[in-house]
């Protein structure tokens, strides 16, 4: 599986990157919504781990753009966030995300969110 991790904080990309590589995934990273959209135009992936709160283009905006494009319709998009209130969860999933992964993460929660064994 090819996974794109999008988070403006390097430390928040490091742990999932290491865990996914250990699980046999090919991992790509982007530090902004703009960089994620640019990378996706040239490098197809199967799933996106997408931070919600980023400067510039937010994760919610990136998700909306991805859902509008038929070429990206197959993407499994996981919200990767510290926002965990029930109302926020509903709003995030209603925005088009497939799953919600709350920081801090562990190996099992990451694999579960991406539907990996």
Protein backbone atom coordinates (compact mmCIF):
# COMPACT_ATOMS: atom_id res chain seq x y z
CA UNK A 1 0.00 0.00 0.00
CA UNK A 2 1.19 3.52 -0.82
CA UNK A 3 0.38 6.06 1.89
CA UNK A 4 0.80 9.84 1.91
CA UNK A 5 1.26 11.40 5.36
CA UNK A 6 0.37 15.10 5.47
CA UNK A 7 1.21 17.15 8.56
CA UNK A 8 2.93 20.50 8.98
CA UNK A 9 4.88 19.15 11.97
CA UNK A 10 7.74 16.78 11.07
CA UNK A 11 7.47 14.96 14.41
CA UNK A 12 3.84 14.08 13.60
CA UNK A 13 4.94 12.51 10.30
CA UNK A 14 7.84 10.53 11.77
CA UNK A 15 6.02 7.96 13.92
CA UNK A 16 3.39 6.93 11.35
CA UNK A 17 6.07 6.85 8.66
CA UNK A 18 8.22 4.43 10.66
CA UNK A 19 5.24 2.25 11.63
CA UNK A 20 3.90 2.08 8.08
CA UNK A 21 7.30 1.23 6.61
CA UNK A 22 7.59 -1.58 9.17
CA UNK A 23 4.19 -2.81 7.95
CA UNK A 24 5.51 -2.93 4.39
CA UNK A 25 3.95 0.26 3.06
CA UNK A 26 5.56 2.72 0.69
CA UNK A 27 5.37 6.08 2.44
CA UNK A 28 5.40 9.64 1.08
CA UNK A 29 5.31 12.81 3.15
CA UNK A 30 4.05 16.35 2.63
CA UNK A 31 4.29 19.28 5.04
CA UNK A 32 1.26 21.23 3.78
CA UNK A 33 -2.05 20.85 2.01
CA UNK A 34 -0.60 22.52 -1.08
CA UNK A 35 2.36 20.11 -1.15
CA UNK A 36 0.01 17.14 -0.72
CA UNK A 37 -2.15 18.15 -3.68
CA UNK A 38 0.94 18.72 -5.85
CA UNK A 39 2.42 15.36 -4.89
CA UNK A 40 -0.84 13.52 -5.56
CA UNK A 41 -0.91 14.88 -9.11
CA UNK A 42 2.35 13.06 -9.90
CA UNK A 43 2.44 10.17 -7.43
CA UNK A 44 -0.67 8.01 -7.01
CA UNK A 45 -1.27 6.60 -3.54
CA UNK A 46 -3.88 4.33 -1.97
CA UNK A 47 -4.43 6.24 1.26
CA UNK A 48 -3.84 9.65 2.82
CA UNK A 49 -3.21 10.34 6.49
CA UNK A 50 -4.26 13.99 6.62
CA UNK A 51 -3.80 16.48 9.46
CA UNK A 52 -6.83 18.72 9.94
CA UNK A 53 -5.16 21.84 11.35
CA UNK A 54 -2.46 23.17 9.04
CA UNK A 55 -1.55 26.69 7.95
CA UNK A 56 -2.67 27.61 4.45
CA UNK A 57 -4.90 24.91 2.99
CA UNK A 58 -6.42 22.92 5.86
CA UNK A 59 -6.94 19.18 5.90
CA UNK A 60 -10.69 19.74 5.55
CA UNK A 61 -10.08 21.75 2.37
CA UNK A 62 -7.69 19.12 0.99
CA UNK A 63 -10.23 16.37 1.67
CA UNK A 64 -12.96 18.37 -0.10
CA UNK A 65 -10.74 18.88 -3.16
CA UNK A 66 -9.84 15.19 -3.26
CA UNK A 67 -13.49 14.13 -3.02
CA UNK A 68 -14.39 16.45 -5.94
CA UNK A 69 -11.93 14.76 -8.31
CA UNK A 70 -12.98 11.44 -9.86
CA UNK A 71 -9.30 10.43 -10.21
CA UNK A 72 -8.97 10.49 -6.42
CA UNK A 73 -12.31 8.89 -5.64
CA UNK A 74 -10.68 5.61 -4.57
CA UNK A 75 -8.52 7.22 -1.89
CA UNK A 76 -8.95 6.09 1.69
CA UNK A 77 -8.64 9.40 3.56
CA UNK A 78 -7.93 9.33 7.28
CA UNK A 79 -8.20 12.48 9.39
CA UNK A 80 -5.06 12.63 11.54
CA UNK A 81 -5.82 15.04 14.34
CA UNK A 82 -5.82 15.90 18.01
CA UNK A 83 -9.51 16.90 17.71
CA UNK A 84 -11.50 14.16 19.40
CA UNK A 85 -14.72 15.66 20.71
CA UNK A 86 -17.83 13.81 19.52
CA UNK A 87 -19.13 16.88 17.66
CA UNK A 88 -15.79 17.32 15.90
CA UNK A 89 -15.71 13.63 14.97
CA UNK A 90 -19.12 13.90 13.31
CA UNK A 91 -18.11 17.05 11.45
CA UNK A 92 -14.85 15.50 10.24
CA UNK A 93 -16.48 12.31 8.98
CA UNK A 94 -19.29 14.32 7.34
CA UNK A 95 -16.62 16.31 5.47
CA UNK A 96 -15.64 13.20 3.52
CA UNK A 97 -13.03 11.44 5.62
CA UNK A 98 -13.24 7.65 5.83
CA UNK A 99 -11.73 7.34 9.29
CA UNK A 100 -10.52 9.44 12.21
CA UNK A 101 -7.16 8.77 13.86
CA UNK A 102 -6.59 10.74 17.06
CA UNK A 103 -3.09 11.84 18.11
CA UNK A 104 -1.16 10.49 19.88
CA UNK A 105 -1.32 7.27 17.87
CA UNK A 106 -0.07 3.74 18.37
CA UNK A 107 0.73 1.02 15.86
CA UNK A 108 -2.61 -0.76 16.14
CA UNK A 109 -4.77 2.36 15.85
CA UNK A 110 -2.81 3.40 12.74
CA UNK A 111 -3.14 -0.02 11.09
CA UNK A 112 -6.84 -0.18 11.97
CA UNK A 113 -7.52 3.28 10.51
CA UNK A 114 -5.85 2.27 7.25
CA UNK A 115 -7.49 -1.18 7.26
CA UNK A 116 -4.11 -2.93 7.31
CA UNK A 117 -3.59 -6.35 8.92
